[in-house]
Amino acid sequence: MAKPKPDLPPAEALRALADAEGRLAVRATPGARSEGITIVDGVVQVKVRVKPQDGAANDAVIGLLAKALGSAPTRLTLLRGATSREKLVQLD
């Protein structure tokens, strides 16, 4: 059985939530049953299946955000929150 595609909001909706300097606040949920990005009350929530070990969940969060934004993962930078669920990501 194929892995289901993650639910992703439009890139414009994500970019609209970034501040004037292109930073996006994200709440991550590692080890979730399904992957996806939702926007609830102006908060970007990213769910990834990867467990939070050795930065793997951070890489998965960045990868999923990049996919939703239509850019390469190397164009996004994790500014704050490497060990927290609350993260700050610099967009390209």
C-alpha atoms as a PDB file:
ATOM      1  CA  MET A   1       0.000   0.000   0.000  1.00  0.00           C
ATOM      2  CA  ALA A   2       1.362   3.398  -0.979  1.00  0.00           C
ATOM      3  CA  LYS A   3       2.168   6.031   1.597  1.00  0.00           C
ATOM      4  CA  PRO A   4      -0.585   8.693   1.643  1.00  0.00           C
ATOM      5  CA  LYS A   5       0.309  12.172   0.472  1.00  0.00           C
ATOM      6  CA  PRO A   6       0.550  14.792   3.222  1.00  0.00           C
ATOM      7  CA  ASP A   7      -2.078  17.500   3.462  1.00  0.00           C
ATOM      8  CA  LEU A   8      -0.439  20.807   2.511  1.00  0.00           C
ATOM      9  CA  PRO A   9      -1.924  24.317   2.502  1.00  0.00           C
ATOM     10  CA  PRO A  10      -1.263  26.700  -0.396  1.00  0.00           C
ATOM     11  CA  ALA A  11       2.192  28.285  -0.419  1.00  0.00           C
ATOM     12  CA  GLU A  12       0.627  31.759  -0.401  1.00  0.00           C
ATOM     13  CA  ALA A  13      -1.144  31.011   2.895  1.00  0.00           C
ATOM     14  CA  LEU A  14       2.143  29.977   4.517  1.00  0.00           C
ATOM     15  CA  ARG A  15       4.069  32.958   3.164  1.00  0.00           C
ATOM     16  CA  ALA A  16       1.316  35.299   4.409  1.00  0.00           C
ATOM     17  CA  LEU A  17       1.984  34.130   7.986  1.00  0.00           C
ATOM     18  CA  ALA A  18       5.702  34.963   7.789  1.00  0.00           C
ATOM     19  CA  ASP A  19       6.859  38.232   9.332  1.00  0.00           C
ATOM     20  CA  ALA A  20       8.404  41.133   7.389  1.00  0.00           C
ATOM     21  CA  GLU A  21      11.851  39.500   7.512  1.00  0.00           C
ATOM     22  CA  GLY A  22      10.616  36.179   6.118  1.00  0.00           C
ATOM     23  CA  ARG A  23      10.531  34.241   9.388  1.00  0.00           C
ATOM     24  CA  LEU A  24       7.784  31.702   9.995  1.00  0.00           C
ATOM     25  CA  ALA A  25       6.815  30.419  13.447  1.00  0.00           C
ATOM     26  CA  VAL A  26       5.969  26.702  13.428  1.00  0.00           C
ATOM     27  CA  ARG A  27       4.664  24.229  15.998  1.00  0.00           C
ATOM     28  CA  ALA A  28       6.045  20.768  15.244  1.00  0.00           C
ATOM     29  CA  THR A  29       4.574  17.415  16.213  1.00  0.00           C
ATOM     30  CA  PRO A  30       7.113  14.610  15.705  1.00  0.00           C
ATOM     31  CA  GLY A  31       6.038  10.972  15.761  1.00  0.00           C
ATOM     32  CA  ALA A  32       2.552  11.735  14.409  1.00  0.00           C
ATOM     33  CA  ARG A  33       0.399   9.101  12.705  1.00  0.00           C
ATOM     34  CA  SER A  34       0.163  11.116   9.512  1.00  0.00           C
ATOM     35  CA  GLU A  35       2.154  13.921   7.954  1.00  0.00           C
ATOM     36  CA  GLY A  36       0.716  17.289   7.075  1.00  0.00           C
ATOM     37  CA  ILE A  37       0.652  21.020   7.618  1.00  0.00           C
ATOM     38  CA  THR A  38      -2.359  22.830   9.008  1.00  0.00           C
ATOM     39  CA  ILE A  39      -3.017  26.444   9.888  1.00  0.00           C
ATOM     40  CA  VAL A  40      -5.117  26.822  13.040  1.00  0.00           C
ATOM     41  CA  ASP A  41      -5.864  30.311  14.380  1.00  0.00           C
ATOM     42  CA  GLY A  42      -2.840  31.750  12.569  1.00  0.00           C
ATOM     43  CA  VAL A  43      -0.456  29.065  13.880  1.00  0.00           C
ATOM     44  CA  VAL A  44       1.340  26.761  11.441  1.00  0.00           C
ATOM     45  CA  GLN A  45       1.268  23.194  12.756  1.00  0.00           C
ATOM     46  CA  VAL A  46       3.554  20.658  11.092  1.00  0.00           C
ATOM     47  CA  LYS A  47       3.091  16.952  11.806  1.00  0.00           C
ATOM     48  CA  VAL A  48       5.786  14.482  10.775  1.00  0.00           C
ATOM     49  CA  ARG A  49       6.045  10.732  11.293  1.00  0.00           C
ATOM     50  CA  VAL A  50       9.759  10.805  12.148  1.00  0.00           C
ATOM     51  CA  LYS A  51      10.753  10.448  15.804  1.00  0.00           C
ATOM     52  CA  PRO A  52      12.805  13.291  17.355  1.00  0.00           C
ATOM     53  CA  GLN A  53      16.200  11.571  17.309  1.00  0.00           C
ATOM     54  CA  ASP A  54      19.461  13.197  16.194  1.00  0.00           C
ATOM     55  CA  GLY A  55      17.665  16.051  14.414  1.00  0.00           C
ATOM     56  CA  ALA A  56      15.751  13.751  12.066  1.00  0.00           C
ATOM     57  CA  ALA A  57      12.397  15.333  12.957  1.00  0.00           C
ATOM     58  CA  ASN A  58      13.795  18.826  12.296  1.00  0.00           C
ATOM     59  CA  ASP A  59      14.962  17.709   8.862  1.00  0.00           C
ATOM     60  CA  ALA A  60      11.517  16.231   8.178  1.00  0.00           C
ATOM     61  CA  VAL A  61       9.789  19.466   9.256  1.00  0.00           C
ATOM     62  CA  ILE A  62      12.045  21.539   6.989  1.00  0.00           C
ATOM     63  CA  GLY A  63      11.508  19.081   4.120  1.00  0.00           C
ATOM     64  CA  LEU A  64       7.729  19.175   4.463  1.00  0.00           C
ATOM     65  CA  LEU A  65       7.685  22.977   4.682  1.00  0.00           C
ATOM     66  CA  ALA A  66       9.889  23.203   1.595  1.00  0.00           C
ATOM     67  CA  LYS A  67       7.540  20.890  -0.296  1.00  0.00           C
ATOM     68  CA  ALA A  68       4.534  23.017   0.676  1.00  0.00           C
ATOM     69  CA  LEU A  69       6.338  26.214  -0.363  1.00  0.00           C
ATOM     70  CA  GLY A  70       7.601  24.736  -3.626  1.00  0.00           C
ATOM     71  CA  SER A  71      11.263  25.352  -2.848  1.00  0.00           C
ATOM     72  CA  ALA A  72      14.339  23.301  -1.981  1.00  0.00           C
ATOM     73  CA  PRO A  73      14.942  22.324   1.668  1.00  0.00           C
ATOM     74  CA  THR A  74      18.346  24.012   1.501  1.00  0.00           C
ATOM     75  CA  ARG A  75      16.570  27.352   0.978  1.00  0.00           C
ATOM     76  CA  LEU A  76      15.004  27.152   4.465  1.00  0.00           C
ATOM     77  CA  THR A  77      16.968  27.639   7.679  1.00  0.00           C
ATOM     78  CA  LEU A  78      16.022  26.610  11.206  1.00  0.00           C
ATOM     79  CA  LEU A  79      16.778  29.712  13.277  1.00  0.00           C
ATOM     80  CA  ARG A  80      15.474  28.629  16.659  1.00  0.00           C
ATOM     81  CA  GLY A  81      13.911  25.592  18.319  1.00  0.00           C
ATOM     82  CA  ALA A  82      16.200  22.681  17.441  1.00  0.00           C
ATOM     83  CA  THR A  83      15.102  20.848  20.616  1.00  0.00           C
ATOM     84  CA  SER A  84      11.687  22.474  21.033  1.00  0.00           C
ATOM     85  CA  ARG A  85       8.294  21.969  19.436  1.00  0.00           C
ATOM     86  CA  GLU A  86       8.121  25.722  18.804  1.00  0.00           C
ATOM     87  CA  LYS A  87      10.412  26.519  15.874  1.00  0.00           C
ATOM     88  CA  LEU A  88      11.365  29.614  13.902  1.00  0.00           C
ATOM     89  CA  VAL A  89      12.216  29.034  10.243  1.00  0.00           C
ATOM     90  CA  GLN A  90      13.775  31.558   7.849  1.00  0.00           C
ATOM     91  CA  LEU A  91      12.107  31.313   4.430  1.00  0.00           C
ATOM     92  CA  ASP A  92      13.963  31.895   1.160  1.00  0.00           C
END
